[in-house]
């Protein structure tokens, strides 16, 4: 079996983005083309975006689900 993942350049890397599927926002940390196959017979590759939310925890979504987002300042705090 070949490598399980490879990094992919992305125009929004290290910028504030929104996952359109969930509405969650954060900084795009990486986009990875990942082999999610469970067998050696057939490879299945998908592009995953790794996003670090405000809590510091990272989550993933399909790379096609991200869009630029503007940071919202909290007022009255």
C-alpha atoms as a PDB file:
ATOM      1  CA  UNK A   1       0.000   0.000   0.000  1.00  0.00           C
ATOM      2  CA  UNK A   2       1.236   3.497  -0.754  1.00  0.00           C
ATOM      3  CA  UNK A   3       1.472   6.371   1.705  1.00  0.00           C
ATOM      4  CA  UNK A   4      -1.743   6.998   3.663  1.00  0.00           C
ATOM      5  CA  UNK A   5      -1.758  10.793   3.243  1.00  0.00           C
ATOM      6  CA  UNK A   6      -0.125  13.747   1.527  1.00  0.00           C
ATOM      7  CA  UNK A   7      -0.335  17.469   2.248  1.00  0.00           C
ATOM      8  CA  UNK A   8      -2.119  19.623  -0.331  1.00  0.00           C
ATOM      9  CA  UNK A   9      -1.486  23.355  -0.833  1.00  0.00           C
ATOM     10  CA  UNK A  10      -4.592  25.491  -0.302  1.00  0.00           C
ATOM     11  CA  UNK A  11      -5.257  29.209  -0.824  1.00  0.00           C
ATOM     12  CA  UNK A  12      -6.944  29.547   2.602  1.00  0.00           C
ATOM     13  CA  UNK A  13      -4.199  27.881   4.639  1.00  0.00           C
ATOM     14  CA  UNK A  14      -3.687  29.651   8.016  1.00  0.00           C
ATOM     15  CA  UNK A  15      -6.723  31.875   7.430  1.00  0.00           C
ATOM     16  CA  UNK A  16     -10.028  32.068   9.264  1.00  0.00           C
ATOM     17  CA  UNK A  17     -12.552  29.759   7.568  1.00  0.00           C
ATOM     18  CA  UNK A  18     -16.070  28.389   8.011  1.00  0.00           C
ATOM     19  CA  UNK A  19     -17.217  24.803   7.512  1.00  0.00           C
ATOM     20  CA  UNK A  20     -20.390  25.269   5.458  1.00  0.00           C
ATOM     21  CA  UNK A  21     -21.723  21.868   6.582  1.00  0.00           C
ATOM     22  CA  UNK A  22     -21.698  22.666  10.321  1.00  0.00           C
ATOM     23  CA  UNK A  23     -21.226  26.444  10.462  1.00  0.00           C
ATOM     24  CA  UNK A  24     -18.180  25.979  12.723  1.00  0.00           C
ATOM     25  CA  UNK A  25     -15.296  28.401  12.258  1.00  0.00           C
ATOM     26  CA  UNK A  26     -11.573  28.390  12.926  1.00  0.00           C
ATOM     27  CA  UNK A  27      -8.115  28.559  11.377  1.00  0.00           C
ATOM     28  CA  UNK A  28      -7.343  26.229   8.477  1.00  0.00           C
ATOM     29  CA  UNK A  29      -4.288  24.308   9.667  1.00  0.00           C
ATOM     30  CA  UNK A  30      -3.843  21.818   6.817  1.00  0.00           C
ATOM     31  CA  UNK A  31      -5.470  20.144   3.860  1.00  0.00           C
ATOM     32  CA  UNK A  32      -4.569  16.500   3.476  1.00  0.00           C
ATOM     33  CA  UNK A  33      -5.297  14.051   0.670  1.00  0.00           C
ATOM     34  CA  UNK A  34      -5.875  10.962   2.801  1.00  0.00           C
ATOM     35  CA  UNK A  35      -6.213   7.307   1.858  1.00  0.00           C
ATOM     36  CA  UNK A  36      -9.198   6.078   3.880  1.00  0.00           C
ATOM     37  CA  UNK A  37      -9.309   2.645   2.273  1.00  0.00           C
ATOM     38  CA  UNK A  38      -9.614  -0.367   4.540  1.00  0.00           C
ATOM     39  CA  UNK A  39      -7.933  -2.750   2.073  1.00  0.00           C
ATOM     40  CA  UNK A  40      -4.842  -3.001  -0.116  1.00  0.00           C
ATOM     41  CA  UNK A  41      -6.931  -4.011  -3.123  1.00  0.00           C
ATOM     42  CA  UNK A  42      -8.530  -0.613  -3.755  1.00  0.00           C
ATOM     43  CA  UNK A  43      -7.436   2.809  -2.559  1.00  0.00           C
ATOM     44  CA  UNK A  44      -9.977   5.514  -1.675  1.00  0.00           C
ATOM     45  CA  UNK A  45      -8.588   9.045  -1.327  1.00  0.00           C
ATOM     46  CA  UNK A  46     -10.396  12.095   0.050  1.00  0.00           C
ATOM     47  CA  UNK A  47      -9.286  15.671   0.740  1.00  0.00           C
ATOM     48  CA  UNK A  48      -9.786  16.594   4.395  1.00  0.00           C
ATOM     49  CA  UNK A  49      -9.459  20.085   5.839  1.00  0.00           C
ATOM     50  CA  UNK A  50      -8.128  20.298   9.405  1.00  0.00           C
ATOM     51  CA  UNK A  51      -9.554  23.352  11.186  1.00  0.00           C
ATOM     52  CA  UNK A  52      -8.553  24.565  14.670  1.00  0.00           C
ATOM     53  CA  UNK A  53     -11.551  26.085  16.445  1.00  0.00           C
ATOM     54  CA  UNK A  54     -11.533  28.823  19.093  1.00  0.00           C
ATOM     55  CA  UNK A  55     -11.276  26.166  21.833  1.00  0.00           C
ATOM     56  CA  UNK A  56      -7.973  24.952  20.373  1.00  0.00           C
ATOM     57  CA  UNK A  57      -9.433  21.609  19.331  1.00  0.00           C
ATOM     58  CA  UNK A  58      -9.160  20.603  15.698  1.00  0.00           C
ATOM     59  CA  UNK A  59     -11.921  19.128  13.602  1.00  0.00           C
ATOM     60  CA  UNK A  60     -12.087  17.887  10.032  1.00  0.00           C
ATOM     61  CA  UNK A  61     -14.425  18.456   7.130  1.00  0.00           C
ATOM     62  CA  UNK A  62     -14.315  17.859   3.405  1.00  0.00           C
ATOM     63  CA  UNK A  63     -11.964  20.375   1.789  1.00  0.00           C
ATOM     64  CA  UNK A  64     -14.790  21.395  -0.545  1.00  0.00           C
ATOM     65  CA  UNK A  65     -16.851  22.503   2.470  1.00  0.00           C
ATOM     66  CA  UNK A  66     -14.640  25.399   3.548  1.00  0.00           C
ATOM     67  CA  UNK A  67     -15.051  29.059   2.732  1.00  0.00           C
ATOM     68  CA  UNK A  68     -13.370  32.243   3.989  1.00  0.00           C
ATOM     69  CA  UNK A  69     -14.937  33.726   7.120  1.00  0.00           C
ATOM     70  CA  UNK A  70     -14.512  37.050   8.849  1.00  0.00           C
ATOM     71  CA  UNK A  71     -13.683  37.002  12.524  1.00  0.00           C
ATOM     72  CA  UNK A  72     -16.463  38.274  14.757  1.00  0.00           C
ATOM     73  CA  UNK A  73     -15.351  40.435  17.672  1.00  0.00           C
ATOM     74  CA  UNK A  74     -17.180  39.873  20.944  1.00  0.00           C
ATOM     75  CA  UNK A  75     -18.675  43.168  22.160  1.00  0.00           C
ATOM     76  CA  UNK A  76     -19.700  44.070  25.681  1.00  0.00           C
ATOM     77  CA  UNK A  77     -17.389  41.563  27.329  1.00  0.00           C
END
